[in-house]
């Protein structure tokens, strides 16, 4: 346990329970983070309002609201505009199109299936600010 360093918080929006559990377990065990999972995009705004995440991991194809819709909602609220977003999706081209459309904010796109070591490295880099640039649009090879 790290003393004097606040634990980071990652909100995961993923509707596949096995993938959600894998993501939460891998980053929760290997990084100094707390995680919370929601399985419906419509639940993300309330979860973000309840506790501002240090990173939001979004699947693009969520029930309720798509990950792209959630991203635009979060970006439209100045209170949450600076939350970095990692799109983790089987549809990476759709997520990349958000960046191409001029959406702002630190975000990355990782295609499914993914390597858990790469996921942990990308998550760690986004949390500490060493990975990602505003409007990043490349798909991270996993």
Protein backbone atom coordinates (compact mmCIF):
# COMPACT_ATOMS: atom_id res chain seq x y z
CA UNK A 1 0.00 0.00 0.00
CA UNK A 2 1.27 3.44 -0.92
CA UNK A 3 1.12 5.88 1.95
CA UNK A 4 0.34 9.50 1.26
CA UNK A 5 -0.72 8.81 -2.33
CA UNK A 6 -4.46 8.88 -3.00
CA UNK A 7 -5.87 5.81 -4.73
CA UNK A 8 -6.95 6.46 -8.31
CA UNK A 9 -10.50 5.61 -9.38
CA UNK A 10 -11.41 3.96 -12.70
CA UNK A 11 -15.00 3.73 -13.92
CA UNK A 12 -15.54 0.86 -16.37
CA UNK A 13 -18.57 0.84 -18.68
CA UNK A 14 -18.72 -2.67 -20.15
CA UNK A 15 -21.81 -4.80 -20.72
CA UNK A 16 -20.04 -8.18 -21.04
CA UNK A 17 -19.69 -9.40 -17.43
CA UNK A 18 -16.64 -11.58 -18.15
CA UNK A 19 -14.75 -8.76 -19.88
CA UNK A 20 -15.78 -6.27 -17.17
CA UNK A 21 -14.52 -8.62 -14.46
CA UNK A 22 -11.25 -9.23 -16.35
CA UNK A 23 -10.62 -5.48 -16.75
CA UNK A 24 -11.46 -4.69 -13.12
CA UNK A 25 -9.41 -7.60 -11.78
CA UNK A 26 -6.33 -6.92 -13.91
CA UNK A 27 -6.06 -3.20 -13.25
CA UNK A 28 -7.26 -3.52 -9.65
CA UNK A 29 -4.64 -6.12 -8.80
CA UNK A 30 -1.73 -4.62 -10.75
CA UNK A 31 -2.24 -0.89 -10.22
CA UNK A 32 -3.06 1.26 -7.20
CA UNK A 33 -6.68 1.85 -8.25
CA UNK A 34 -10.25 1.30 -7.17
CA UNK A 35 -12.70 0.26 -9.88
CA UNK A 36 -16.42 0.40 -10.41
CA UNK A 37 -18.29 -1.30 -13.27
CA UNK A 38 -21.56 -0.28 -14.90
CA UNK A 39 -23.12 -2.44 -17.60
CA UNK A 40 -25.37 0.19 -19.20
CA UNK A 41 -24.30 3.45 -20.81
CA UNK A 42 -27.28 5.26 -19.30
CA UNK A 43 -25.79 4.65 -15.84
CA UNK A 44 -22.45 6.35 -16.58
CA UNK A 45 -23.51 10.01 -16.07
CA UNK A 46 -24.86 9.21 -12.59
CA UNK A 47 -21.75 7.18 -11.74
CA UNK A 48 -19.50 10.04 -12.90
CA UNK A 49 -21.58 12.53 -10.89
CA UNK A 50 -21.35 10.34 -7.77
CA UNK A 51 -17.56 10.09 -7.97
CA UNK A 52 -15.40 11.75 -10.58
CA UNK A 53 -13.19 9.05 -12.11
CA UNK A 54 -9.51 9.51 -12.84
CA UNK A 55 -10.13 7.39 -15.95
CA UNK A 56 -13.25 6.25 -17.77
CA UNK A 57 -13.01 2.99 -19.74
CA UNK A 58 -15.84 2.82 -22.28
CA UNK A 59 -17.10 0.08 -24.55
CA UNK A 60 -18.57 1.62 -27.70
CA UNK A 61 -21.55 -0.74 -27.97
CA UNK A 62 -23.36 -0.43 -24.66
CA UNK A 63 -27.08 -0.81 -24.00
CA UNK A 64 -28.95 2.32 -22.94
CA UNK A 65 -26.50 4.87 -24.29
CA UNK A 66 -23.62 3.93 -26.56
CA UNK A 67 -20.09 4.64 -25.41
CA UNK A 68 -19.89 7.37 -28.05
CA UNK A 69 -23.04 9.00 -26.67
CA UNK A 70 -21.65 8.75 -23.14
CA UNK A 71 -18.37 10.30 -24.29
CA UNK A 72 -20.19 13.26 -25.83
CA UNK A 73 -22.31 13.74 -22.70
CA UNK A 74 -19.27 13.67 -20.44
CA UNK A 75 -17.39 16.06 -22.74
CA UNK A 76 -20.33 18.49 -22.89
CA UNK A 77 -20.27 19.02 -19.12
CA UNK A 78 -17.36 21.29 -18.11
CA UNK A 79 -17.18 19.57 -14.71
CA UNK A 80 -16.21 16.25 -16.36
CA UNK A 81 -14.50 17.52 -19.51
CA UNK A 82 -11.01 16.65 -18.29
CA UNK A 83 -11.69 13.01 -17.48
CA UNK A 84 -9.46 10.86 -19.72
CA UNK A 85 -11.28 8.16 -21.70
CA UNK A 86 -10.05 4.80 -22.94
CA UNK A 87 -12.34 3.28 -25.55
CA UNK A 88 -12.01 -0.50 -25.30
CA UNK A 89 -14.04 -1.82 -28.18
CA UNK A 90 -14.62 -4.30 -30.94
CA UNK A 91 -15.46 -1.28 -33.13
CA UNK A 92 -12.28 0.82 -32.97
CA UNK A 93 -13.05 2.76 -36.17
CA UNK A 94 -16.21 4.19 -34.60
CA UNK A 95 -14.26 5.44 -31.58
CA UNK A 96 -11.48 6.86 -33.74
CA UNK A 97 -14.10 8.84 -35.68
CA UNK A 98 -14.91 10.76 -32.48
CA UNK A 99 -11.37 12.12 -32.41
CA UNK A 100 -11.48 12.88 -36.12
CA UNK A 101 -14.66 14.90 -35.54
CA UNK A 102 -12.71 17.24 -33.27
CA UNK A 103 -13.82 15.99 -29.85
CA UNK A 104 -11.45 17.22 -27.19
CA UNK A 105 -9.96 15.52 -24.19
CA UNK A 106 -7.38 12.87 -23.53
CA UNK A 107 -8.56 9.59 -24.95
CA UNK A 108 -7.17 6.45 -26.47
CA UNK A 109 -8.72 3.59 -28.42
CA UNK A 110 -7.87 -0.07 -27.81
CA UNK A 111 -9.35 -2.85 -29.92
CA UNK A 112 -10.86 -6.03 -28.52
CA UNK A 113 -9.61 -8.63 -28.07
CA UNK A 114 -6.85 -7.06 -25.99
CA UNK A 115 -3.71 -8.14 -24.19
CA UNK A 116 -4.06 -7.58 -20.44
CA UNK A 117 -0.44 -6.43 -20.12
CA UNK A 118 -1.08 -3.74 -22.74
CA UNK A 119 -4.34 -2.77 -21.02
CA UNK A 120 -2.56 -2.33 -17.69
CA UNK A 121 0.29 -0.35 -19.29
CA UNK A 122 -2.12 1.95 -21.15
CA UNK A 123 -4.31 2.43 -18.07
CA UNK A 124 -1.28 3.25 -15.94
CA UNK A 125 0.01 5.71 -18.54
CA UNK A 126 -3.34 7.45 -18.83
CA UNK A 127 -3.70 7.68 -15.06
CA UNK A 128 -0.28 9.22 -14.55
CA UNK A 129 -0.54 11.49 -17.59
CA UNK A 130 2.36 9.97 -19.53
CA UNK A 131 0.15 8.44 -22.23
CA UNK A 132 -2.33 10.29 -24.31
CA UNK A 133 -2.70 13.63 -25.89
CA UNK A 134 -5.80 15.72 -26.37
CA UNK A 135 -7.66 14.39 -29.38
CA UNK A 136 -5.53 11.25 -29.69
CA UNK A 137 -7.00 9.06 -32.39
CA UNK A 138 -4.71 6.09 -33.04
CA UNK A 139 -5.82 2.58 -32.19
CA UNK A 140 -3.49 0.97 -29.66
CA UNK A 141 -2.36 -2.42 -30.87
CA UNK A 142 -3.17 -5.05 -28.30
